[in-house]
């Protein structure tokens, strides 16, 4: 099982443990990811036991009511196609800044290129950075082909991980073609955050800034092949699963001699930036937006 496969499977288990999906839905999603009932049932049973142990624990103050997405009102995006590796055609959502300072590749979560991810590209364009939200399911016909988000996740799981890196590199090509004379960066969320780490590990000297949001760091990866990237690693305090690789990411950044900062937002969980999800935290999302745009303002021109 690849690191991406392990991550996608663990994400289902954590969603079940946090009560975001039913047992039936968890078994459905795990089956699509190739995890049989003999393995899945004990995993979910362990979650049930953990829930019982913590059911009486105080939950603290309730989270504030969502107040809307972080950042400015997004500019409209347009669907585009562009040249991919080996003669393939890739899809994405493009948002052009009126006066671009640089450009950003936006990499989606495990459900593919959703309207939420497209809106992030639009918000970046409104803030001054032209952005391309890439669809890593282009080979399968695009995210829109899947009516069940779990099927989209399963398709990502079935794809060779090396394809994602090649497609993201083609996305950088397209950014530089559409916005010549400016530097390029990348950001991604969850699965996409891990993909951005993988892009850095594969070596991409054209990247001048990278912002992986709560993405797993590849085991044993070196980042020395991306010497120009200033990296802002964004984490959530309650996201134990992804935080387990945070120290490895920090060590790799130091070893590569990269400019970097690791930020962990207190009291929030995985996917806190996603305003369409149950873990959305508007205050932390707003703080993260301010941080990432300041980062791009310094390193992406």
C-alpha atoms as a PDB file:
ATOM      1  CA  UNK A   1       0.000   0.000   0.000  1.00  0.00           C
ATOM      2  CA  UNK A   2       1.392   3.425  -1.006  1.00  0.00           C
ATOM      3  CA  UNK A   3       1.696   6.345   1.411  1.00  0.00           C
ATOM      4  CA  UNK A   4      -1.209   8.024  -0.374  1.00  0.00           C
ATOM      5  CA  UNK A   5      -3.332   4.880   0.043  1.00  0.00           C
ATOM      6  CA  UNK A   6      -2.531   4.644   3.734  1.00  0.00           C
ATOM      7  CA  UNK A   7      -3.392   8.303   4.182  1.00  0.00           C
ATOM      8  CA  UNK A   8      -6.725   8.028   2.352  1.00  0.00           C
ATOM      9  CA  UNK A   9      -7.733   4.960   4.369  1.00  0.00           C
ATOM     10  CA  UNK A  10      -6.759   6.578   7.656  1.00  0.00           C
ATOM     11  CA  UNK A  11      -8.786   9.646   6.735  1.00  0.00           C
ATOM     12  CA  UNK A  12     -11.927   7.506   6.497  1.00  0.00           C
ATOM     13  CA  UNK A  13     -11.231   5.971   9.899  1.00  0.00           C
ATOM     14  CA  UNK A  14     -10.683   9.373  11.505  1.00  0.00           C
ATOM     15  CA  UNK A  15     -13.869  10.764   9.945  1.00  0.00           C
ATOM     16  CA  UNK A  16     -15.741   7.822  11.450  1.00  0.00           C
ATOM     17  CA  UNK A  17     -14.056   8.255  14.822  1.00  0.00           C
ATOM     18  CA  UNK A  18     -15.057  11.918  14.843  1.00  0.00           C
ATOM     19  CA  UNK A  19     -18.669  11.040  14.040  1.00  0.00           C
ATOM     20  CA  UNK A  20     -18.642  12.710  10.621  1.00  0.00           C
ATOM     21  CA  UNK A  21     -19.754   9.593   8.749  1.00  0.00           C
ATOM     22  CA  UNK A  22     -21.766   6.507   9.654  1.00  0.00           C
ATOM     23  CA  UNK A  23     -20.338   3.009  10.067  1.00  0.00           C
ATOM     24  CA  UNK A  24     -22.050   1.963   6.857  1.00  0.00           C
ATOM     25  CA  UNK A  25     -20.511   4.864   4.947  1.00  0.00           C
ATOM     26  CA  UNK A  26     -17.086   4.164   6.470  1.00  0.00           C
ATOM     27  CA  UNK A  27     -17.256   0.522   5.372  1.00  0.00           C
ATOM     28  CA  UNK A  28     -18.388   1.658   1.914  1.00  0.00           C
ATOM     29  CA  UNK A  29     -15.490   4.067   1.540  1.00  0.00           C
ATOM     30  CA  UNK A  30     -12.917   1.605   2.874  1.00  0.00           C
ATOM     31  CA  UNK A  31     -14.156  -1.072   0.494  1.00  0.00           C
ATOM     32  CA  UNK A  32     -13.713   1.316  -2.426  1.00  0.00           C
ATOM     33  CA  UNK A  33     -10.147   1.867  -1.235  1.00  0.00           C
ATOM     34  CA  UNK A  34      -9.506  -1.882  -1.243  1.00  0.00           C
ATOM     35  CA  UNK A  35      -9.737  -2.397   2.521  1.00  0.00           C
ATOM     36  CA  UNK A  36     -11.677  -5.598   3.138  1.00  0.00           C
ATOM     37  CA  UNK A  37     -14.256  -6.065   5.879  1.00  0.00           C
ATOM     38  CA  UNK A  38     -11.906  -8.331   7.854  1.00  0.00           C
ATOM     39  CA  UNK A  39      -9.515  -5.396   8.256  1.00  0.00           C
ATOM     40  CA  UNK A  40     -12.040  -2.567   8.310  1.00  0.00           C
ATOM     41  CA  UNK A  41     -14.283  -3.952  11.064  1.00  0.00           C
ATOM     42  CA  UNK A  42     -11.570  -4.054  13.772  1.00  0.00           C
ATOM     43  CA  UNK A  43     -10.434  -0.544  12.811  1.00  0.00           C
ATOM     44  CA  UNK A  44     -13.921   0.836  13.288  1.00  0.00           C
ATOM     45  CA  UNK A  45     -14.447  -1.221  16.457  1.00  0.00           C
ATOM     46  CA  UNK A  46     -11.358   0.414  17.949  1.00  0.00           C
ATOM     47  CA  UNK A  47     -12.923   3.781  17.154  1.00  0.00           C
ATOM     48  CA  UNK A  48     -16.128   2.701  18.906  1.00  0.00           C
ATOM     49  CA  UNK A  49     -14.149   1.784  22.014  1.00  0.00           C
ATOM     50  CA  UNK A  50     -12.341   5.109  21.976  1.00  0.00           C
ATOM     51  CA  UNK A  51     -15.651   6.940  21.677  1.00  0.00           C
ATOM     52  CA  UNK A  52     -16.992   5.079  24.714  1.00  0.00           C
ATOM     53  CA  UNK A  53     -13.919   6.013  26.742  1.00  0.00           C
ATOM     54  CA  UNK A  54     -14.199   9.699  25.924  1.00  0.00           C
ATOM     55  CA  UNK A  55     -17.976  10.103  25.810  1.00  0.00           C
ATOM     56  CA  UNK A  56     -18.145  11.547  29.327  1.00  0.00           C
ATOM     57  CA  UNK A  57     -15.186  13.857  28.888  1.00  0.00           C
ATOM     58  CA  UNK A  58     -15.907  17.599  28.856  1.00  0.00           C
ATOM     59  CA  UNK A  59     -15.978  19.013  25.355  1.00  0.00           C
ATOM     60  CA  UNK A  60     -15.058  22.590  26.192  1.00  0.00           C
ATOM     61  CA  UNK A  61     -16.638  25.673  24.712  1.00  0.00           C
ATOM     62  CA  UNK A  62     -18.611  25.220  21.505  1.00  0.00           C
ATOM     63  CA  UNK A  63     -16.933  26.315  18.292  1.00  0.00           C
ATOM     64  CA  UNK A  64     -18.067  29.681  16.937  1.00  0.00           C
ATOM     65  CA  UNK A  65     -20.712  29.564  14.250  1.00  0.00           C
ATOM     66  CA  UNK A  66     -19.216  29.615  10.748  1.00  0.00           C
ATOM     67  CA  UNK A  67     -19.056  33.133   9.382  1.00  0.00           C
ATOM     68  CA  UNK A  68     -18.099  32.334   5.806  1.00  0.00           C
ATOM     69  CA  UNK A  69     -14.944  31.593   3.855  1.00  0.00           C
ATOM     70  CA  UNK A  70     -11.643  33.245   4.652  1.00  0.00           C
ATOM     71  CA  UNK A  71     -10.343  35.846   2.253  1.00  0.00           C
ATOM     72  CA  UNK A  72     -11.945  38.173  -0.279  1.00  0.00           C
ATOM     73  CA  UNK A  73     -14.906  37.460  -2.514  1.00  0.00           C
ATOM     74  CA  UNK A  74     -13.480  35.132  -5.168  1.00  0.00           C
ATOM     75  CA  UNK A  75     -13.068  36.175  -8.757  1.00  0.00           C
ATOM     76  CA  UNK A  76     -14.810  33.810 -11.183  1.00  0.00           C
ATOM     77  CA  UNK A  77     -12.889  30.784 -12.400  1.00  0.00           C
ATOM     78  CA  UNK A  78     -13.096  29.285 -15.849  1.00  0.00           C
ATOM     79  CA  UNK A  79     -12.621  25.619 -16.742  1.00  0.00           C
ATOM     80  CA  UNK A  80      -9.543  25.087 -18.864  1.00  0.00           C
ATOM     81  CA  UNK A  81      -7.615  22.250 -20.414  1.00  0.00           C
ATOM     82  CA  UNK A  82      -3.873  22.246 -20.905  1.00  0.00           C
ATOM     83  CA  UNK A  83      -1.071  19.986 -22.038  1.00  0.00           C
ATOM     84  CA  UNK A  84      -0.035  17.253 -19.649  1.00  0.00           C
ATOM     85  CA  UNK A  85       2.795  14.717 -19.709  1.00  0.00           C
ATOM     86  CA  UNK A  86       2.952  12.032 -22.392  1.00  0.00           C
ATOM     87  CA  UNK A  87       0.443  13.790 -24.610  1.00  0.00           C
ATOM     88  CA  UNK A  88      -2.338  13.711 -22.023  1.00  0.00           C
ATOM     89  CA  UNK A  89      -4.802  16.561 -21.555  1.00  0.00           C
ATOM     90  CA  UNK A  90      -5.268  17.966 -18.075  1.00  0.00           C
ATOM     91  CA  UNK A  91      -8.170  19.906 -16.627  1.00  0.00           C
ATOM     92  CA  UNK A  92      -8.365  22.710 -14.125  1.00  0.00           C
ATOM     93  CA  UNK A  93     -10.080  25.885 -12.975  1.00  0.00           C
ATOM     94  CA  UNK A  94      -8.247  29.096 -13.858  1.00  0.00           C
ATOM     95  CA  UNK A  95      -8.623  32.461 -12.140  1.00  0.00           C
ATOM     96  CA  UNK A  96      -6.691  35.430 -13.494  1.00  0.00           C
ATOM     97  CA  UNK A  97      -5.678  38.308 -11.246  1.00  0.00           C
ATOM     98  CA  UNK A  98      -6.201  41.779 -12.690  1.00  0.00           C
ATOM     99  CA  UNK A  99      -2.561  42.681 -12.049  1.00  0.00           C
ATOM    100  CA  UNK A 100      -0.822  39.446 -11.041  1.00  0.00           C
ATOM    101  CA  UNK A 101       2.086  39.481  -8.622  1.00  0.00           C
ATOM    102  CA  UNK A 102       2.782  35.789  -9.230  1.00  0.00           C
ATOM    103  CA  UNK A 103       0.826  32.591  -9.756  1.00  0.00           C
ATOM    104  CA  UNK A 104      -0.213  29.654  -7.596  1.00  0.00           C
ATOM    105  CA  UNK A 105      -1.030  26.013  -8.276  1.00  0.00           C
ATOM    106  CA  UNK A 106      -3.863  24.895  -5.968  1.00  0.00           C
ATOM    107  CA  UNK A 107      -4.083  21.168  -5.214  1.00  0.00           C
ATOM    108  CA  UNK A 108      -7.352  19.679  -4.035  1.00  0.00           C
ATOM    109  CA  UNK A 109      -8.384  17.413  -1.184  1.00  0.00           C
ATOM    110  CA  UNK A 110      -9.269  13.740  -1.595  1.00  0.00           C
ATOM    111  CA  UNK A 111     -12.631  14.486  -3.230  1.00  0.00           C
ATOM    112  CA  UNK A 112     -11.076  16.062  -6.287  1.00  0.00           C
ATOM    113  CA  UNK A 113     -11.553  19.519  -7.769  1.00  0.00           C
ATOM    114  CA  UNK A 114     -14.643  20.694  -5.890  1.00  0.00           C
ATOM    115  CA  UNK A 115     -16.286  24.150  -6.013  1.00  0.00           C
ATOM    116  CA  UNK A 116     -14.609  24.902  -2.670  1.00  0.00           C
ATOM    117  CA  UNK A 117     -11.133  24.353  -4.124  1.00  0.00           C
ATOM    118  CA  UNK A 118     -12.018  26.384  -7.216  1.00  0.00           C
ATOM    119  CA  UNK A 119     -13.114  29.189  -4.884  1.00  0.00           C
ATOM    120  CA  UNK A 120      -9.671  29.169  -3.258  1.00  0.00           C
ATOM    121  CA  UNK A 121      -8.175  29.847  -6.692  1.00  0.00           C
ATOM    122  CA  UNK A 122     -10.691  32.667  -7.139  1.00  0.00           C
ATOM    123  CA  UNK A 123      -9.821  34.165  -3.760  1.00  0.00           C
ATOM    124  CA  UNK A 124      -6.123  34.092  -4.594  1.00  0.00           C
ATOM    125  CA  UNK A 125      -6.830  35.903  -7.867  1.00  0.00           C
ATOM    126  CA  UNK A 126      -8.849  38.527  -5.998  1.00  0.00           C
ATOM    127  CA  UNK A 127      -5.842  38.997  -3.687  1.00  0.00           C
ATOM    128  CA  UNK A 128      -3.417  39.437  -6.589  1.00  0.00           C
ATOM    129  CA  UNK A 129      -2.136  35.974  -7.544  1.00  0.00           C
ATOM    130  CA  UNK A 130      -3.410  34.242 -10.666  1.00  0.00           C
ATOM    131  CA  UNK A 131      -4.246  30.674  -9.743  1.00  0.00           C
ATOM    132  CA  UNK A 132      -4.817  27.293 -11.337  1.00  0.00           C
ATOM    133  CA  UNK A 133      -6.735  24.667  -9.377  1.00  0.00           C
ATOM    134  CA  UNK A 134      -5.578  21.455 -11.017  1.00  0.00           C
ATOM    135  CA  UNK A 135      -7.773  18.364 -11.367  1.00  0.00           C
ATOM    136  CA  UNK A 136      -5.660  15.323 -10.541  1.00  0.00           C
ATOM    137  CA  UNK A 137      -8.517  13.144 -11.814  1.00  0.00           C
ATOM    138  CA  UNK A 138      -8.116  14.450 -15.365  1.00  0.00           C
ATOM    139  CA  UNK A 139      -6.970  11.019 -16.553  1.00  0.00           C
ATOM    140  CA  UNK A 140     -10.268   9.569 -15.319  1.00  0.00           C
ATOM    141  CA  UNK A 141     -12.323  12.206 -17.112  1.00  0.00           C
ATOM    142  CA  UNK A 142     -12.285  14.834 -14.371  1.00  0.00           C
ATOM    143  CA  UNK A 143     -13.826  15.148 -10.936  1.00  0.00           C
ATOM    144  CA  UNK A 144     -17.216  16.113 -12.374  1.00  0.00           C
ATOM    145  CA  UNK A 145     -17.524  12.575 -13.736  1.00  0.00           C
ATOM    146  CA  UNK A 146     -17.981  11.213 -10.201  1.00  0.00           C
ATOM    147  CA  UNK A 147     -21.370  11.693  -8.565  1.00  0.00           C
ATOM    148  CA  UNK A 148     -20.206   9.921  -5.390  1.00  0.00           C
ATOM    149  CA  UNK A 149     -17.255  11.722  -3.714  1.00  0.00           C
ATOM    150  CA  UNK A 150     -16.112   8.363  -2.336  1.00  0.00           C
ATOM    151  CA  UNK A 151     -15.692   7.139  -5.911  1.00  0.00           C
ATOM    152  CA  UNK A 152     -13.484  10.136  -6.640  1.00  0.00           C
ATOM    153  CA  UNK A 153     -11.348   9.274  -3.613  1.00  0.00           C
ATOM    154  CA  UNK A 154     -11.124   5.661  -4.765  1.00  0.00           C
ATOM    155  CA  UNK A 155      -9.980   6.805  -8.211  1.00  0.00           C
ATOM    156  CA  UNK A 156      -7.214   8.895  -6.649  1.00  0.00           C
ATOM    157  CA  UNK A 157      -6.230   5.876  -4.578  1.00  0.00           C
ATOM    158  CA  UNK A 158      -6.019   3.677  -7.695  1.00  0.00           C
ATOM    159  CA  UNK A 159      -3.823   6.108  -9.641  1.00  0.00           C
ATOM    160  CA  UNK A 160      -0.031   5.761  -9.568  1.00  0.00           C
ATOM    161  CA  UNK A 161       1.289   8.479  -7.212  1.00  0.00           C
ATOM    162  CA  UNK A 162       4.033   9.378  -9.679  1.00  0.00           C
ATOM    163  CA  UNK A 163       1.348  10.599 -12.041  1.00  0.00           C
ATOM    164  CA  UNK A 164       0.301  13.288  -9.592  1.00  0.00           C
ATOM    165  CA  UNK A 165       3.815  14.740  -9.483  1.00  0.00           C
ATOM    166  CA  UNK A 166       4.061  14.745 -13.284  1.00  0.00           C
ATOM    167  CA  UNK A 167       0.666  16.448 -13.572  1.00  0.00           C
ATOM    168  CA  UNK A 168       1.565  19.085 -10.992  1.00  0.00           C
ATOM    169  CA  UNK A 169       4.784  19.842 -12.869  1.00  0.00           C
ATOM    170  CA  UNK A 170       2.673  20.315 -15.991  1.00  0.00           C
ATOM    171  CA  UNK A 171       0.515  22.668 -13.929  1.00  0.00           C
ATOM    172  CA  UNK A 172       3.598  24.742 -13.140  1.00  0.00           C
ATOM    173  CA  UNK A 173       4.363  24.803 -16.876  1.00  0.00           C
ATOM    174  CA  UNK A 174       0.883  26.185 -17.513  1.00  0.00           C
ATOM    175  CA  UNK A 175       1.188  28.820 -14.791  1.00  0.00           C
ATOM    176  CA  UNK A 176       4.457  30.096 -16.263  1.00  0.00           C
ATOM    177  CA  UNK A 177       2.963  30.079 -19.765  1.00  0.00           C
ATOM    178  CA  UNK A 178      -0.113  32.045 -18.718  1.00  0.00           C
ATOM    179  CA  UNK A 179       1.710  34.413 -16.386  1.00  0.00           C
ATOM    180  CA  UNK A 180       5.183  34.925 -17.877  1.00  0.00           C
ATOM    181  CA  UNK A 181       7.727  36.996 -16.041  1.00  0.00           C
ATOM    182  CA  UNK A 182       6.421  36.036 -12.604  1.00  0.00           C
ATOM    183  CA  UNK A 183       7.322  33.314 -10.120  1.00  0.00           C
ATOM    184  CA  UNK A 184       5.148  30.300  -9.328  1.00  0.00           C
ATOM    185  CA  UNK A 185       4.096  28.663  -6.086  1.00  0.00           C
ATOM    186  CA  UNK A 186       1.895  25.816  -4.912  1.00  0.00           C
ATOM    187  CA  UNK A 187      -0.525  25.147  -2.085  1.00  0.00           C
ATOM    188  CA  UNK A 188      -2.712  22.176  -1.235  1.00  0.00           C
ATOM    189  CA  UNK A 189      -5.062  20.834   1.394  1.00  0.00           C
ATOM    190  CA  UNK A 190      -5.101  17.431   3.136  1.00  0.00           C
ATOM    191  CA  UNK A 191      -4.379  14.972   0.288  1.00  0.00           C
ATOM    192  CA  UNK A 192      -3.298  18.017  -1.717  1.00  0.00           C
ATOM    193  CA  UNK A 193      -1.016  19.152   1.082  1.00  0.00           C
ATOM    194  CA  UNK A 194       0.708  15.783   0.927  1.00  0.00           C
ATOM    195  CA  UNK A 195       0.887  16.150  -2.858  1.00  0.00           C
ATOM    196  CA  UNK A 196       2.649  19.502  -2.492  1.00  0.00           C
ATOM    197  CA  UNK A 197       5.193  17.902  -0.158  1.00  0.00           C
ATOM    198  CA  UNK A 198       5.671  15.176  -2.789  1.00  0.00           C
ATOM    199  CA  UNK A 199       6.181  17.800  -5.495  1.00  0.00           C
ATOM    200  CA  UNK A 200       8.873  19.450  -3.379  1.00  0.00           C
ATOM    201  CA  UNK A 201      10.472  16.065  -2.693  1.00  0.00           C
ATOM    202  CA  UNK A 202      10.478  15.189  -6.393  1.00  0.00           C
ATOM    203  CA  UNK A 203      12.500  18.319  -7.107  1.00  0.00           C
ATOM    204  CA  UNK A 204      10.907  21.433  -8.585  1.00  0.00           C
ATOM    205  CA  UNK A 205      13.387  24.326  -8.750  1.00  0.00           C
ATOM    206  CA  UNK A 206      10.771  26.593 -10.367  1.00  0.00           C
ATOM    207  CA  UNK A 207       8.756  26.720  -7.139  1.00  0.00           C
ATOM    208  CA  UNK A 208       9.424  29.875  -5.155  1.00  0.00           C
ATOM    209  CA  UNK A 209       6.790  29.340  -2.477  1.00  0.00           C
ATOM    210  CA  UNK A 210       4.822  26.369  -1.160  1.00  0.00           C
ATOM    211  CA  UNK A 211       2.072  26.160   1.445  1.00  0.00           C
ATOM    212  CA  UNK A 212       0.985  22.602   2.313  1.00  0.00           C
ATOM    213  CA  UNK A 213      -2.036  22.618   4.628  1.00  0.00           C
ATOM    214  CA  UNK A 214      -2.099  19.646   7.028  1.00  0.00           C
ATOM    215  CA  UNK A 215      -0.578  17.247   4.514  1.00  0.00           C
ATOM    216  CA  UNK A 216       1.370  14.084   5.367  1.00  0.00           C
ATOM    217  CA  UNK A 217       5.099  14.306   4.755  1.00  0.00           C
ATOM    218  CA  UNK A 218       6.549  11.467   2.612  1.00  0.00           C
ATOM    219  CA  UNK A 219       8.673   9.002   4.553  1.00  0.00           C
ATOM    220  CA  UNK A 220      12.386   9.746   4.263  1.00  0.00           C
ATOM    221  CA  UNK A 221      11.914  12.511   1.690  1.00  0.00           C
ATOM    222  CA  UNK A 222      14.660  14.997   0.846  1.00  0.00           C
ATOM    223  CA  UNK A 223      13.705  18.509  -0.238  1.00  0.00           C
ATOM    224  CA  UNK A 224      17.095  19.497  -1.626  1.00  0.00           C
ATOM    225  CA  UNK A 225      15.813  19.326  -5.216  1.00  0.00           C
ATOM    226  CA  UNK A 226      13.589  22.369  -4.644  1.00  0.00           C
ATOM    227  CA  UNK A 227      16.177  24.900  -3.470  1.00  0.00           C
ATOM    228  CA  UNK A 228      14.193  28.045  -4.267  1.00  0.00           C
ATOM    229  CA  UNK A 229      11.013  27.196  -2.387  1.00  0.00           C
ATOM    230  CA  UNK A 230      10.104  29.117   0.757  1.00  0.00           C
ATOM    231  CA  UNK A 231       7.788  26.727   2.603  1.00  0.00           C
ATOM    232  CA  UNK A 232       4.994  27.575   5.013  1.00  0.00           C
ATOM    233  CA  UNK A 233       3.740  24.383   6.657  1.00  0.00           C
ATOM    234  CA  UNK A 234       0.240  24.752   8.134  1.00  0.00           C
ATOM    235  CA  UNK A 235      -0.993  22.321  10.796  1.00  0.00           C
ATOM    236  CA  UNK A 236      -3.911  21.913  13.195  1.00  0.00           C
ATOM    237  CA  UNK A 237      -3.260  21.180  16.865  1.00  0.00           C
ATOM    238  CA  UNK A 238      -5.859  18.387  17.123  1.00  0.00           C
ATOM    239  CA  UNK A 239      -4.774  16.652  13.914  1.00  0.00           C
ATOM    240  CA  UNK A 240      -2.629  13.960  15.537  1.00  0.00           C
ATOM    241  CA  UNK A 241      -2.559  11.774  12.429  1.00  0.00           C
ATOM    242  CA  UNK A 242      -0.891  14.360  10.168  1.00  0.00           C
ATOM    243  CA  UNK A 243       1.076  15.974  12.973  1.00  0.00           C
ATOM    244  CA  UNK A 244       2.939  12.683  13.395  1.00  0.00           C
ATOM    245  CA  UNK A 245       5.054  13.628  10.347  1.00  0.00           C
ATOM    246  CA  UNK A 246       5.471  17.318  11.242  1.00  0.00           C
ATOM    247  CA  UNK A 247       8.883  16.877  12.874  1.00  0.00           C
ATOM    248  CA  UNK A 248      10.132  14.925   9.852  1.00  0.00           C
ATOM    249  CA  UNK A 249       9.016  17.775   7.601  1.00  0.00           C
ATOM    250  CA  UNK A 250      10.792  20.312   9.789  1.00  0.00           C
ATOM    251  CA  UNK A 251      13.978  18.235   9.820  1.00  0.00           C
ATOM    252  CA  UNK A 252      13.927  17.853   6.025  1.00  0.00           C
ATOM    253  CA  UNK A 253      13.411  21.596   5.547  1.00  0.00           C
ATOM    254  CA  UNK A 254      16.349  22.346   7.834  1.00  0.00           C
ATOM    255  CA  UNK A 255      18.576  19.774   6.141  1.00  0.00           C
ATOM    256  CA  UNK A 256      17.777  21.229   2.706  1.00  0.00           C
ATOM    257  CA  UNK A 257      18.559  24.732   3.953  1.00  0.00           C
ATOM    258  CA  UNK A 258      15.199  26.099   2.842  1.00  0.00           C
ATOM    259  CA  UNK A 259      13.486  29.187   4.140  1.00  0.00           C
ATOM    260  CA  UNK A 260      10.511  27.894   6.101  1.00  0.00           C
ATOM    261  CA  UNK A 261       8.036  28.352   8.896  1.00  0.00           C
ATOM    262  CA  UNK A 262       5.836  25.754  10.590  1.00  0.00           C
ATOM    263  CA  UNK A 263       2.576  27.111  12.004  1.00  0.00           C
ATOM    264  CA  UNK A 264       0.208  25.040  14.155  1.00  0.00           C
ATOM    265  CA  UNK A 265      -3.188  26.591  14.882  1.00  0.00           C
ATOM    266  CA  UNK A 266      -4.423  25.824  18.418  1.00  0.00           C
ATOM    267  CA  UNK A 267      -7.718  24.156  19.216  1.00  0.00           C
ATOM    268  CA  UNK A 268      -8.621  23.212  15.639  1.00  0.00           C
ATOM    269  CA  UNK A 269      -8.651  20.003  13.668  1.00  0.00           C
ATOM    270  CA  UNK A 270      -7.802  18.668  10.249  1.00  0.00           C
ATOM    271  CA  UNK A 271      -9.445  20.570   7.365  1.00  0.00           C
ATOM    272  CA  UNK A 272     -10.198  23.626   9.501  1.00  0.00           C
ATOM    273  CA  UNK A 273      -9.842  25.873   6.412  1.00  0.00           C
ATOM    274  CA  UNK A 274     -12.615  24.159   4.424  1.00  0.00           C
ATOM    275  CA  UNK A 275     -15.732  26.277   4.913  1.00  0.00           C
ATOM    276  CA  UNK A 276     -17.907  23.506   3.432  1.00  0.00           C
ATOM    277  CA  UNK A 277     -16.804  20.916   6.001  1.00  0.00           C
ATOM    278  CA  UNK A 278     -17.799  20.007   9.540  1.00  0.00           C
ATOM    279  CA  UNK A 279     -14.387  20.962  10.984  1.00  0.00           C
ATOM    280  CA  UNK A 280     -14.350  24.488   9.566  1.00  0.00           C
ATOM    281  CA  UNK A 281     -13.053  27.058  12.027  1.00  0.00           C
ATOM    282  CA  UNK A 282     -13.606  30.593  10.684  1.00  0.00           C
ATOM    283  CA  UNK A 283     -11.199  32.300  13.071  1.00  0.00           C
ATOM    284  CA  UNK A 284      -8.273  29.969  12.357  1.00  0.00           C
ATOM    285  CA  UNK A 285      -9.090  30.001   8.636  1.00  0.00           C
ATOM    286  CA  UNK A 286      -8.974  33.799   8.589  1.00  0.00           C
ATOM    287  CA  UNK A 287      -5.651  33.792  10.434  1.00  0.00           C
ATOM    288  CA  UNK A 288      -4.237  31.207   8.030  1.00  0.00           C
ATOM    289  CA  UNK A 289      -5.393  33.235   5.033  1.00  0.00           C
ATOM    290  CA  UNK A 290      -3.634  36.331   6.356  1.00  0.00           C
ATOM    291  CA  UNK A 291      -0.494  34.287   6.986  1.00  0.00           C
ATOM    292  CA  UNK A 292      -0.392  32.612   3.577  1.00  0.00           C
ATOM    293  CA  UNK A 293      -1.039  35.824   1.622  1.00  0.00           C
ATOM    294  CA  UNK A 294       1.728  37.557   3.581  1.00  0.00           C
ATOM    295  CA  UNK A 295       3.975  34.603   2.722  1.00  0.00           C
ATOM    296  CA  UNK A 296       3.135  34.826  -0.970  1.00  0.00           C
ATOM    297  CA  UNK A 297       3.573  38.584  -0.801  1.00  0.00           C
ATOM    298  CA  UNK A 298       7.138  38.106   0.383  1.00  0.00           C
ATOM    299  CA  UNK A 299       8.218  35.169  -1.769  1.00  0.00           C
ATOM    300  CA  UNK A 300       5.945  35.121  -4.838  1.00  0.00           C
ATOM    301  CA  UNK A 301       6.224  38.041  -7.242  1.00  0.00           C
END
